[in-house]
Amino acid sequence: MECEIVYFLIPRTGVAKSFAELALRFDPELKHLQASEHSMALEGQVAGDLPSSSTSP
């Protein structure tokens, strides 16, 4: 029997529009960077090069 078994996961509707968005949403390092960016913004030192926080849950 010559065949392959393939498993894959499909995100539910509304969870994420892409795998990149899903990765950003659950990336602990990004949350740390966003917190640092916020602190720097309060001090007037914001770099402004992080993705928008609209992907945060």
N, C-alpha and C. Protein backbone atom coordinates (compact mmCIF):
# COMPACT_ATOMS: atom_id res chain seq x y z
N MET A 1 0.86 -1.18 0.00
CA MET A 1 0.00 0.00 0.00
C MET A 1 0.89 1.23 0.00
N GLU A 2 0.88 1.94 -1.06
CA GLU A 2 1.75 3.10 -1.20
C GLU A 2 0.93 4.37 -0.98
N CYS A 3 1.06 4.94 0.22
CA CYS A 3 0.30 6.15 0.55
C CYS A 3 0.99 6.90 1.68
N GLU A 4 0.52 8.11 1.92
CA GLU A 4 1.03 8.94 3.00
C GLU A 4 -0.12 9.35 3.90
N ILE A 5 0.14 9.44 5.19
CA ILE A 5 -0.83 9.97 6.14
C ILE A 5 -0.39 11.39 6.47
N VAL A 6 -1.32 12.33 6.37
CA VAL A 6 -1.00 13.73 6.60
C VAL A 6 -1.96 14.27 7.65
N TYR A 7 -1.40 14.89 8.69
CA TYR A 7 -2.19 15.55 9.72
C TYR A 7 -1.92 17.04 9.65
N PHE A 8 -2.92 17.86 9.84
CA PHE A 8 -2.72 19.30 9.92
C PHE A 8 -3.81 19.92 10.75
N LEU A 9 -3.53 21.09 11.29
CA LEU A 9 -4.47 21.82 12.13
C LEU A 9 -4.95 23.05 11.38
N ILE A 10 -6.23 23.31 11.49
CA ILE A 10 -6.81 24.50 10.89
C ILE A 10 -7.41 25.33 12.02
N PRO A 11 -6.95 26.59 12.18
CA PRO A 11 -7.50 27.43 13.25
C PRO A 11 -8.99 27.68 13.01
N ARG A 12 -9.72 27.75 14.10
CA ARG A 12 -11.15 28.07 14.01
C ARG A 12 -11.34 29.48 13.49
N THR A 13 -12.46 29.73 12.90
CA THR A 13 -12.78 31.06 12.39
C THR A 13 -12.76 32.06 13.55
N GLY A 14 -12.12 33.17 13.34
CA GLY A 14 -12.05 34.20 14.37
C GLY A 14 -10.83 34.11 15.26
N VAL A 15 -10.12 32.98 15.24
CA VAL A 15 -8.92 32.85 16.06
C VAL A 15 -7.80 33.69 15.47
N ALA A 16 -7.56 33.53 14.21
CA ALA A 16 -6.52 34.31 13.53
C ALA A 16 -6.78 34.25 12.03
N LYS A 17 -6.37 35.29 11.35
CA LYS A 17 -6.54 35.33 9.89
C LYS A 17 -5.38 34.64 9.18
N SER A 18 -4.25 34.49 9.87
CA SER A 18 -3.09 33.84 9.27
C SER A 18 -2.25 33.21 10.38
N PHE A 19 -1.36 32.32 9.98
CA PHE A 19 -0.47 31.72 10.97
C PHE A 19 0.50 32.75 11.54
N ALA A 20 0.87 33.74 10.76
CA ALA A 20 1.75 34.80 11.26
C ALA A 20 1.05 35.58 12.38
N GLU A 21 -0.24 35.89 12.18
CA GLU A 21 -1.00 36.59 13.22
C GLU A 21 -1.13 35.72 14.46
N LEU A 22 -1.34 34.42 14.28
CA LEU A 22 -1.45 33.51 15.41
C LEU A 22 -0.14 33.45 16.18
N ALA A 23 0.98 33.41 15.47
CA ALA A 23 2.29 33.39 16.12
C ALA A 23 2.53 34.68 16.90
N LEU A 24 2.16 35.82 16.33
CA LEU A 24 2.33 37.10 17.02
C LEU A 24 1.47 37.17 18.27
N ARG A 25 0.26 36.63 18.19
CA ARG A 25 -0.66 36.71 19.31
C ARG A 25 -0.14 35.96 20.53
N PHE A 26 0.55 34.85 20.33
CA PHE A 26 1.00 34.02 21.45
C PHE A 26 2.51 34.05 21.67
N ASP A 27 3.19 35.04 21.14
CA ASP A 27 4.64 35.15 21.29
C ASP A 27 4.97 35.87 22.60
N PRO A 28 5.53 35.17 23.60
CA PRO A 28 5.84 35.82 24.88
C PRO A 28 6.92 36.90 24.75
N GLU A 29 7.85 36.73 23.82
CA GLU A 29 8.89 37.74 23.63
C GLU A 29 8.30 39.04 23.09
N LEU A 30 7.30 38.94 22.22
CA LEU A 30 6.67 40.14 21.69
C LEU A 30 5.95 40.90 22.80
N LYS A 31 5.29 40.20 23.71
CA LYS A 31 4.61 40.86 24.83
C LYS A 31 5.63 41.62 25.68
N HIS A 32 6.80 41.03 25.89
CA HIS A 32 7.85 41.69 26.66
C HIS A 32 8.34 42.94 25.92
N LEU A 33 8.54 42.81 24.61
CA LEU A 33 8.99 43.96 23.82
C LEU A 33 7.95 45.07 23.82
N GLN A 34 6.66 44.71 23.76
CA GLN A 34 5.61 45.73 23.78
C GLN A 34 5.59 46.45 25.13
N ALA A 35 5.82 45.72 26.22
CA ALA A 35 5.87 46.35 27.54
C ALA A 35 7.05 47.30 27.62
N SER A 36 8.20 46.88 27.08
CA SER A 36 9.38 47.74 27.07
C SER A 36 9.14 48.98 26.21
N GLU A 37 8.50 48.78 25.06
CA GLU A 37 8.21 49.90 24.15
C GLU A 37 7.29 50.90 24.85
N HIS A 38 6.32 50.39 25.61
CA HIS A 38 5.39 51.28 26.33
C HIS A 38 6.16 52.11 27.36
N SER A 39 7.04 51.45 28.12
CA SER A 39 7.83 52.17 29.13
C SER A 39 8.71 53.23 28.48
N MET A 40 9.30 52.88 27.35
CA MET A 40 10.15 53.85 26.65
C MET A 40 9.33 55.01 26.10
N ALA A 41 8.10 54.73 25.67
CA ALA A 41 7.24 55.79 25.16
C ALA A 41 6.92 56.79 26.28
N LEU A 42 6.72 56.28 27.49
CA LEU A 42 6.45 57.16 28.62
C LEU A 42 7.64 58.08 28.90
N GLU A 43 8.84 57.63 28.56
CA GLU A 43 10.05 58.42 28.76
C GLU A 43 10.44 59.23 27.53
N GLY A 44 9.63 59.15 26.46
CA GLY A 44 9.92 59.89 25.24
C GLY A 44 11.02 59.26 24.41
N GLN A 45 11.25 57.96 24.56
CA GLN A 45 12.33 57.27 23.85
C GLN A 45 11.80 56.17 22.94
N VAL A 46 10.57 56.26 22.52
CA VAL A 46 9.94 55.19 21.74
C VAL A 46 10.62 55.01 20.39
N ALA A 47 10.85 53.74 20.01
CA ALA A 47 11.43 53.43 18.70
C ALA A 47 10.33 53.33 17.65
N GLY A 48 9.17 52.79 18.03
CA GLY A 48 8.03 52.72 17.13
C GLY A 48 8.17 51.71 16.01
N ASP A 49 9.00 50.68 16.19
CA ASP A 49 9.20 49.71 15.12
C ASP A 49 8.55 48.35 15.39
N LEU A 50 7.71 48.26 16.40
CA LEU A 50 7.02 47.01 16.69
C LEU A 50 5.69 46.96 15.96
N PRO A 51 5.18 45.73 15.69
CA PRO A 51 3.85 45.64 15.09
C PRO A 51 2.80 46.22 16.03
N SER A 52 1.70 46.67 15.48
CA SER A 52 0.66 47.27 16.30
C SER A 52 0.12 46.26 17.31
N SER A 53 -0.38 46.73 18.43
CA SER A 53 -0.88 45.85 19.48
C SER A 53 -2.30 45.40 19.22
N SER A 54 -2.84 45.66 18.01
CA SER A 54 -4.21 45.25 17.70
C SER A 54 -4.33 43.73 17.61
N THR A 55 -3.20 43.01 17.52
CA THR A 55 -3.26 41.55 17.49
C THR A 55 -3.26 40.94 18.88
N SER A 56 -3.13 41.75 19.91
CA SER A 56 -3.15 41.23 21.26
C SER A 56 -4.55 40.81 21.63
N PRO A 57 -4.68 39.71 22.42
CA PRO A 57 -6.01 39.24 22.80
C PRO A 57 -6.72 40.19 23.74
